[in-house]
Amino acid sequence: MLGVLAVWRVTHLLFAEDGPWDVVIRLRKSAGAGFLGKLLDCFYCLSLWIAAPAALFIGSAWPERLFLGLALSAGAILIERVTSGDKT
């Protein structure tokens, strides 16, 4: 559960918040329209990339890490859908 909350928190920060001293919003603006810019515009995509290192840290074997990464991303997406009111 802590892993899911951590993945949601970091993903939400990068996706939707300005951050302290507007650092994150400047990061999103400087990312432009390339791969990183598109990644930062999609909560679902970004949660997969944030979940991957979290799963590497939490999991102990490669199969576990693979499924854990997907589960962490899914949990973060569920939290985002509940808190944002996104019905898609």
N, C-alpha and C. Protein backbone atom coordinates (compact mmCIF):
# COMPACT_ATOMS: atom_id res chain seq x y z
N MET A 1 0.83 -1.20 0.00
CA MET A 1 0.00 0.00 0.00
C MET A 1 0.87 1.26 0.00
N LEU A 2 1.97 1.22 0.75
CA LEU A 2 2.86 2.39 0.77
C LEU A 2 3.47 2.64 -0.60
N GLY A 3 3.78 1.55 -1.30
CA GLY A 3 4.33 1.69 -2.65
C GLY A 3 3.34 2.36 -3.59
N VAL A 4 2.09 1.97 -3.51
CA VAL A 4 1.05 2.57 -4.36
C VAL A 4 0.91 4.06 -4.05
N LEU A 5 0.88 4.40 -2.78
CA LEU A 5 0.77 5.81 -2.40
C LEU A 5 1.97 6.62 -2.86
N ALA A 6 3.15 6.05 -2.74
CA ALA A 6 4.36 6.75 -3.19
C ALA A 6 4.35 6.96 -4.70
N VAL A 7 3.96 5.94 -5.45
CA VAL A 7 3.90 6.07 -6.90
C VAL A 7 2.85 7.11 -7.29
N TRP A 8 1.69 7.08 -6.64
CA TRP A 8 0.67 8.08 -6.95
C TRP A 8 1.17 9.48 -6.64
N ARG A 9 1.82 9.64 -5.50
CA ARG A 9 2.27 10.97 -5.08
C ARG A 9 3.27 11.58 -6.06
N VAL A 10 4.27 10.80 -6.44
CA VAL A 10 5.29 11.30 -7.37
C VAL A 10 4.68 11.54 -8.74
N THR A 11 3.84 10.62 -9.20
CA THR A 11 3.20 10.79 -10.51
C THR A 11 2.31 12.01 -10.52
N HIS A 12 1.53 12.20 -9.48
CA HIS A 12 0.64 13.36 -9.41
C HIS A 12 1.44 14.66 -9.36
N LEU A 13 2.53 14.66 -8.64
CA LEU A 13 3.39 15.84 -8.57
C LEU A 13 3.88 16.22 -9.97
N LEU A 14 4.41 15.25 -10.69
CA LEU A 14 4.96 15.53 -12.02
C LEU A 14 3.88 15.84 -13.06
N PHE A 15 2.71 15.25 -12.90
CA PHE A 15 1.64 15.40 -13.87
C PHE A 15 0.81 16.66 -13.67
N ALA A 16 0.49 17.00 -12.42
CA ALA A 16 -0.56 18.00 -12.20
C ALA A 16 -0.20 19.16 -11.28
N GLU A 17 0.95 19.14 -10.64
CA GLU A 17 1.25 20.17 -9.66
C GLU A 17 2.36 21.09 -10.16
N ASP A 18 2.42 22.28 -9.55
CA ASP A 18 3.46 23.24 -9.90
C ASP A 18 4.78 22.94 -9.20
N GLY A 19 4.69 22.35 -8.02
CA GLY A 19 5.90 22.06 -7.26
C GLY A 19 6.40 23.27 -6.52
N PRO A 20 7.35 23.06 -5.63
CA PRO A 20 7.90 24.19 -4.89
C PRO A 20 8.66 25.13 -5.84
N TRP A 21 8.43 26.40 -5.69
CA TRP A 21 9.04 27.44 -6.52
C TRP A 21 8.78 27.21 -8.01
N ASP A 22 7.66 26.58 -8.34
CA ASP A 22 7.26 26.30 -9.73
C ASP A 22 8.28 25.46 -10.50
N VAL A 23 9.06 24.66 -9.79
CA VAL A 23 10.09 23.84 -10.43
C VAL A 23 9.46 22.82 -11.38
N VAL A 24 8.40 22.18 -10.96
CA VAL A 24 7.81 21.11 -11.77
C VAL A 24 7.11 21.67 -13.00
N ILE A 25 6.46 22.80 -12.85
CA ILE A 25 5.80 23.39 -14.02
C ILE A 25 6.85 23.84 -15.03
N ARG A 26 7.99 24.33 -14.57
CA ARG A 26 9.07 24.70 -15.49
C ARG A 26 9.64 23.46 -16.18
N LEU A 27 9.71 22.36 -15.45
CA LEU A 27 10.17 21.10 -16.04
C LEU A 27 9.23 20.66 -17.15
N ARG A 28 7.92 20.74 -16.89
CA ARG A 28 6.95 20.34 -17.92
C ARG A 28 7.03 21.25 -19.13
N LYS A 29 7.21 22.55 -18.93
CA LYS A 29 7.31 23.48 -20.05
C LYS A 29 8.58 23.22 -20.85
N SER A 30 9.68 22.95 -20.17
CA SER A 30 10.94 22.73 -20.88
C SER A 30 10.96 21.37 -21.59
N ALA A 31 10.11 20.44 -21.18
CA ALA A 31 10.05 19.13 -21.82
C ALA A 31 9.53 19.24 -23.25
N GLY A 32 8.73 20.26 -23.52
CA GLY A 32 8.25 20.49 -24.87
C GLY A 32 7.27 19.44 -25.36
N ALA A 33 7.33 19.20 -26.66
CA ALA A 33 6.39 18.28 -27.31
C ALA A 33 7.03 16.94 -27.64
N GLY A 34 8.22 16.69 -27.16
CA GLY A 34 8.90 15.42 -27.42
C GLY A 34 8.38 14.32 -26.53
N PHE A 35 9.17 13.25 -26.46
CA PHE A 35 8.77 12.08 -25.67
C PHE A 35 8.50 12.45 -24.22
N LEU A 36 9.42 13.18 -23.60
CA LEU A 36 9.26 13.53 -22.19
C LEU A 36 8.04 14.43 -21.98
N GLY A 37 7.82 15.36 -22.88
CA GLY A 37 6.65 16.24 -22.77
C GLY A 37 5.35 15.47 -22.86
N LYS A 38 5.28 14.53 -23.80
CA LYS A 38 4.08 13.71 -23.94
C LYS A 38 3.91 12.80 -22.73
N LEU A 39 5.02 12.30 -22.20
CA LEU A 39 4.96 11.44 -21.02
C LEU A 39 4.39 12.20 -19.82
N LEU A 40 4.82 13.44 -19.65
CA LEU A 40 4.35 14.24 -18.52
C LEU A 40 2.89 14.69 -18.68
N ASP A 41 2.34 14.54 -19.87
CA ASP A 41 0.94 14.91 -20.12
C ASP A 41 -0.02 13.74 -19.93
N CYS A 42 0.50 12.55 -19.68
CA CYS A 42 -0.35 11.36 -19.57
C CYS A 42 -0.12 10.69 -18.21
N PHE A 43 -1.09 10.79 -17.32
CA PHE A 43 -0.94 10.22 -15.98
C PHE A 43 -0.71 8.72 -16.06
N TYR A 44 -1.44 8.05 -16.93
CA TYR A 44 -1.34 6.58 -17.02
C TYR A 44 0.06 6.16 -17.47
N CYS A 45 0.58 6.80 -18.49
CA CYS A 45 1.92 6.48 -19.00
C CYS A 45 2.98 6.80 -17.95
N LEU A 46 2.86 7.97 -17.36
CA LEU A 46 3.83 8.40 -16.36
C LEU A 46 3.85 7.48 -15.15
N SER A 47 2.68 6.98 -14.75
CA SER A 47 2.63 6.10 -13.58
C SER A 47 3.40 4.80 -13.84
N LEU A 48 3.41 4.32 -15.07
CA LEU A 48 4.20 3.12 -15.39
C LEU A 48 5.69 3.39 -15.21
N TRP A 49 6.14 4.54 -15.68
CA TRP A 49 7.56 4.88 -15.57
C TRP A 49 7.97 5.16 -14.12
N ILE A 50 7.08 5.70 -13.33
CA ILE A 50 7.38 5.94 -11.92
C ILE A 50 7.33 4.63 -11.13
N ALA A 51 6.42 3.75 -11.50
CA ALA A 51 6.28 2.47 -10.80
C ALA A 51 7.46 1.54 -11.05
N ALA A 52 8.10 1.64 -12.20
CA ALA A 52 9.19 0.72 -12.55
C ALA A 52 10.34 0.75 -11.53
N PRO A 53 10.92 1.92 -11.21
CA PRO A 53 12.00 1.90 -10.21
C PRO A 53 11.49 1.55 -8.81
N ALA A 54 10.25 1.90 -8.51
CA ALA A 54 9.68 1.53 -7.21
C ALA A 54 9.58 0.01 -7.10
N ALA A 55 9.16 -0.65 -8.18
CA ALA A 55 9.05 -2.11 -8.18
C ALA A 55 10.43 -2.75 -8.08
N LEU A 56 11.43 -2.17 -8.73
CA LEU A 56 12.79 -2.69 -8.61
C LEU A 56 13.29 -2.62 -7.17
N PHE A 57 12.92 -1.55 -6.50
CA PHE A 57 13.35 -1.35 -5.11
C PHE A 57 12.60 -2.27 -4.15
N ILE A 58 11.31 -2.43 -4.36
CA ILE A 58 10.47 -3.19 -3.43
C ILE A 58 10.55 -4.70 -3.68
N GLY A 59 10.53 -5.10 -4.94
CA GLY A 59 10.48 -6.52 -5.28
C GLY A 59 11.80 -7.23 -5.05
N SER A 60 11.74 -8.56 -4.99
CA SER A 60 12.97 -9.32 -4.73
C SER A 60 13.38 -10.19 -5.91
N ALA A 61 12.47 -10.58 -6.77
CA ALA A 61 12.79 -11.40 -7.94
C ALA A 61 12.18 -10.74 -9.18
N TRP A 62 12.73 -11.04 -10.36
CA TRP A 62 12.28 -10.36 -11.57
C TRP A 62 10.81 -10.58 -11.89
N PRO A 63 10.27 -11.78 -11.78
CA PRO A 63 8.83 -11.91 -12.04
C PRO A 63 7.98 -11.08 -11.07
N GLU A 64 8.41 -11.08 -9.81
CA GLU A 64 7.69 -10.28 -8.81
C GLU A 64 7.77 -8.80 -9.14
N ARG A 65 8.93 -8.33 -9.55
CA ARG A 65 9.12 -6.92 -9.90
C ARG A 65 8.27 -6.51 -11.09
N LEU A 66 8.16 -7.39 -12.07
CA LEU A 66 7.35 -7.09 -13.24
C LEU A 66 5.88 -6.89 -12.85
N PHE A 67 5.33 -7.85 -12.14
CA PHE A 67 3.93 -7.75 -11.73
C PHE A 67 3.71 -6.64 -10.70
N LEU A 68 4.67 -6.42 -9.85
CA LEU A 68 4.57 -5.36 -8.85
C LEU A 68 4.54 -3.99 -9.52
N GLY A 69 5.35 -3.80 -10.56
CA GLY A 69 5.33 -2.54 -11.29
C GLY A 69 3.97 -2.25 -11.89
N LEU A 70 3.38 -3.26 -12.50
CA LEU A 70 2.04 -3.09 -13.07
C LEU A 70 1.01 -2.82 -11.98
N ALA A 71 1.13 -3.52 -10.86
CA ALA A 71 0.18 -3.34 -9.76
C ALA A 71 0.32 -1.95 -9.13
N LEU A 72 1.54 -1.48 -8.96
CA LEU A 72 1.76 -0.15 -8.38
C LEU A 72 1.16 0.93 -9.29
N SER A 73 1.38 0.78 -10.60
CA SER A 73 0.81 1.73 -11.55
C SER A 73 -0.71 1.68 -11.52
N ALA A 74 -1.28 0.48 -11.49
CA ALA A 74 -2.74 0.35 -11.45
C ALA A 74 -3.32 0.97 -10.19
N GLY A 75 -2.66 0.75 -9.06
CA GLY A 75 -3.13 1.35 -7.81
C GLY A 75 -3.09 2.87 -7.87
N ALA A 76 -2.02 3.42 -8.43
CA ALA A 76 -1.91 4.87 -8.56
C ALA A 76 -3.00 5.42 -9.48
N ILE A 77 -3.29 4.69 -10.56
CA ILE A 77 -4.34 5.12 -11.48
C ILE A 77 -5.71 5.09 -10.80
N LEU A 78 -5.96 4.06 -10.01
CA LEU A 78 -7.23 4.00 -9.29
C LEU A 78 -7.39 5.17 -8.33
N ILE A 79 -6.33 5.48 -7.59
CA ILE A 79 -6.38 6.63 -6.67
C ILE A 79 -6.64 7.91 -7.45
N GLU A 80 -5.96 8.08 -8.58
CA GLU A 80 -6.14 9.29 -9.39
C GLU A 80 -7.56 9.40 -9.91
N ARG A 81 -8.11 8.31 -10.36
CA ARG A 81 -9.48 8.34 -10.88
C ARG A 81 -10.49 8.67 -9.79
N VAL A 82 -10.27 8.16 -8.59
CA VAL A 82 -11.18 8.44 -7.47
C VAL A 82 -11.05 9.89 -7.02
N THR A 83 -9.84 10.40 -6.94
CA THR A 83 -9.63 11.75 -6.42
C THR A 83 -9.85 12.85 -7.44
N SER A 84 -9.71 12.54 -8.73
CA SER A 84 -9.86 13.59 -9.75
C SER A 84 -11.26 13.65 -10.33
N GLY A 85 -12.05 12.62 -10.11
CA GLY A 85 -13.38 12.58 -10.69
C GLY A 85 -13.38 12.22 -12.15
N ASP A 86 -12.24 11.75 -12.68
CA ASP A 86 -12.12 11.32 -14.07
C ASP A 86 -12.92 10.04 -14.28
N LYS A 87 -13.88 10.09 -15.16
CA LYS A 87 -14.75 8.93 -15.38
C LYS A 87 -14.38 8.12 -16.61
N THR A 88 -13.24 8.41 -17.25
CA THR A 88 -12.84 7.67 -18.45
C THR A 88 -12.05 6.45 -18.14
